[in-house]
Protein backbone atom coordinates (compact mmCIF):
# COMPACT_ATOMS: atom_id res chain seq x y z
CA MET A 1 -15.44 -25.67 21.56
CA ILE A 2 -17.11 -23.90 24.48
CA GLU A 3 -15.04 -25.97 26.90
CA PHE A 4 -11.83 -24.81 25.17
CA LEU A 5 -12.85 -21.23 25.27
CA ALA A 6 -13.87 -21.46 28.93
CA ALA A 7 -10.38 -22.92 29.72
CA LEU A 8 -8.39 -20.18 27.98
CA GLU A 9 -5.24 -19.17 29.89
CA PHE A 10 -3.00 -16.15 29.42
CA TRP A 11 -0.47 -18.34 27.69
CA HIS A 12 -3.00 -19.32 25.01
CA TRP A 13 -3.31 -15.70 24.10
CA TRP A 14 0.42 -15.23 24.10
CA ILE A 15 0.81 -18.20 21.70
CA ALA A 16 -1.90 -16.71 19.48
CA ALA A 17 -0.01 -13.38 19.60
CA ALA A 18 3.27 -15.09 18.58
CA LEU A 19 1.54 -16.95 15.72
CA LEU A 20 -0.16 -13.78 14.47
CA ILE A 21 3.13 -11.83 14.54
CA ILE A 22 4.87 -14.66 12.73
CA LEU A 23 2.11 -14.56 10.15
CA GLU A 24 2.70 -10.85 9.71
CA ILE A 25 6.32 -11.55 9.06
CA LEU A 26 5.54 -14.11 6.37
CA ALA A 27 2.70 -12.08 4.85
CA PRO A 28 3.39 -8.47 5.65
CA GLY A 29 0.59 -5.93 5.52
CA ALA A 30 0.48 -4.42 8.97
CA PHE A 31 -2.77 -6.24 9.73
CA PHE A 32 -1.86 -9.34 11.66
CA LEU A 33 0.72 -7.38 13.64
CA TRP A 34 -2.00 -5.38 15.32
CA MET A 35 -4.06 -8.50 16.02
CA GLY A 36 -1.02 -10.11 17.55
CA ILE A 37 -0.42 -7.14 19.80
CA SER A 38 -4.16 -7.21 20.79
CA ALA A 39 -3.86 -10.93 21.62
CA GLY A 40 -0.80 -10.24 23.69
CA ALA A 41 -2.73 -7.47 25.53
CA VAL A 42 -5.61 -9.83 26.28
CA GLY A 43 -3.10 -12.36 27.61
CA LEU A 44 -1.62 -9.66 29.88
CA LEU A 45 -5.11 -8.76 31.04
CA LEU A 46 -5.81 -12.43 31.80
CA LEU A 47 -2.52 -12.77 33.72
CA VAL A 48 -3.50 -9.77 35.89
CA ILE A 49 -7.14 -10.70 36.26
CA PRO A 50 -7.42 -14.48 35.82
CA THR A 51 -11.22 -14.51 36.41
CA VAL A 52 -12.10 -12.66 33.17
CA SER A 53 -14.75 -14.61 31.25
CA TRP A 54 -13.99 -16.05 27.86
CA GLU A 55 -16.74 -13.83 26.32
CA LEU A 56 -15.08 -10.77 27.64
CA GLN A 57 -11.70 -12.00 26.48
CA LEU A 58 -12.93 -12.45 22.91
CA PHE A 59 -14.85 -9.14 22.96
CA THR A 60 -11.72 -7.34 24.24
CA PHE A 61 -9.59 -9.00 21.57
CA THR A 62 -12.06 -8.03 18.81
CA ILE A 63 -12.35 -4.43 19.91
CA LEU A 64 -8.57 -3.96 20.48
CA SER A 65 -7.90 -5.46 17.02
CA ILE A 66 -10.42 -3.25 15.22
CA ILE A 67 -9.33 -0.07 17.02
CA SER A 68 -5.60 -0.78 16.49
CA VAL A 69 -5.96 -1.54 12.77
CA ILE A 70 -8.08 1.58 12.22
CA ALA A 71 -5.78 3.77 14.26
CA TRP A 72 -2.77 2.53 12.22
CA ARG A 73 -4.46 3.24 8.99
CA VAL A 74 -5.47 6.71 10.10
CA TYR A 75 -1.91 7.35 11.32
CA LEU A 76 -0.41 6.22 7.99
CA LYS A 77 -2.84 8.43 6.10
CA ASN A 78 -1.85 11.42 8.13
CA ASN A 79 1.88 10.53 8.13
CA PRO A 80 2.77 8.77 4.94
CA ILE A 81 6.04 6.83 4.77
CA LYS A 82 8.69 8.90 3.09
CA SER A 83 10.96 7.19 0.56
CA ASP A 84 14.17 8.24 -1.09
CA ALA A 85 12.91 6.48 -4.29
CA PRO A 86 9.20 7.03 -4.45
CA THR A 87 8.89 6.07 -8.14
CA LEU A 88 10.96 2.96 -7.85
CA ASN A 89 8.20 0.48 -8.76
CA ARG A 90 6.14 2.96 -10.78
CA ARG A 91 8.21 3.28 -13.92
CA GLY A 92 5.88 5.63 -15.77
CA GLN A 93 6.07 8.13 -12.89
CA GLN A 94 9.86 8.40 -13.50
CA TYR A 95 9.16 10.08 -16.85
CA VAL A 96 6.91 12.87 -15.69
CA GLY A 97 8.47 16.17 -16.59
CA ARG A 98 10.79 14.73 -19.09
CA VAL A 99 10.75 15.59 -22.82
CA PHE A 100 10.77 12.84 -25.48
CA THR A 101 10.45 12.80 -29.28
CA LEU A 102 7.39 11.26 -30.93
CA THR A 103 8.13 8.09 -32.90
CA ASP A 104 4.45 7.81 -34.02
CA ALA A 105 2.46 10.90 -34.63
CA ILE A 106 -0.26 11.78 -32.24
CA VAL A 107 -3.41 11.29 -34.30
CA ASN A 108 -6.88 11.62 -32.70
CA GLY A 109 -5.13 12.07 -29.36
CA VAL A 110 -3.04 8.85 -29.50
CA GLY A 111 0.63 8.30 -30.49
CA LYS A 112 3.86 6.72 -29.29
CA ILE A 113 7.28 7.68 -27.93
CA LYS A 114 10.35 5.63 -27.46
CA VAL A 115 11.95 5.69 -24.03
CA ASP A 116 15.21 3.76 -23.94
CA ASP A 117 14.22 0.40 -25.54
CA THR A 118 10.50 0.64 -24.87
CA LEU A 119 7.63 2.13 -26.82
CA TRP A 120 5.04 3.91 -24.72
CA LYS A 121 1.56 4.83 -25.78
CA VAL A 122 0.88 8.56 -25.27
CA SER A 123 -2.21 10.64 -25.35
CA GLY A 124 -2.40 14.34 -26.00
CA GLU A 125 -2.84 17.08 -28.59
CA ASP A 126 -2.26 15.92 -32.18
CA ALA A 127 1.34 16.39 -33.27
CA PRO A 128 3.65 15.12 -36.08
CA VAL A 129 6.44 12.50 -35.88
CA GLY A 130 9.68 14.02 -34.45
CA LYS A 131 7.92 16.64 -32.35
CA GLY A 132 9.09 17.03 -28.71
CA VAL A 133 6.51 16.21 -26.01
CA ARG A 134 6.73 16.55 -22.24
CA VAL A 135 5.12 13.87 -20.08
CA ILE A 136 2.69 15.53 -17.65
CA GLU A 137 0.83 12.54 -16.13
CA VAL A 138 0.64 8.80 -16.11
CA ASP A 139 -2.70 7.03 -16.67
CA GLY A 140 -2.00 3.31 -16.20
CA ALA A 141 0.27 2.33 -19.12
CA ILE A 142 -0.49 5.53 -21.12
CA LEU A 143 1.60 8.64 -20.72
CA ARG A 144 -0.29 11.93 -21.02
CA VAL A 145 1.81 14.51 -22.82
CA GLU A 146 1.84 18.16 -23.93
CA LEU A 147 3.82 19.77 -26.62
CA ALA A 148 7.26 20.84 -25.46
CA LYS A 149 8.34 24.42 -25.86
CA GLN A 150 11.21 25.17 -28.27
CA GLU A 151 13.68 25.89 -25.47
CA ASP A 152 13.13 22.41 -23.96
């Protein structure tokens, strides 16, 4: 194994970079992409300075990978991706703010509403069947509701 590491050439790193980027395409998650870019950078370093030891190559790859993954996560945290359909795969979130009629009374804080063809469990202030409730929050598969005002 040491012999292989000692014989690393720039093109080994570029092949590793290509494989990591292909892996990112097959299993997206913005993780392998940054490792692939780091491998490509180490290959470029080795092309420019061919006498770099294999230990320094691996160290550089490791540090570049860690820094780039952390930098990407920090960037995403500070600049979230905007979507024209942010609730597309979060069905319950689509109901926040809407008013529905109770199909099962809310007793001891738990009841049900019918949304289209689906019954949803709701939690909130006790209320009788037929009362209007507004969805204020989603907690897993339970919709938190409040009593709707008369004009709603």
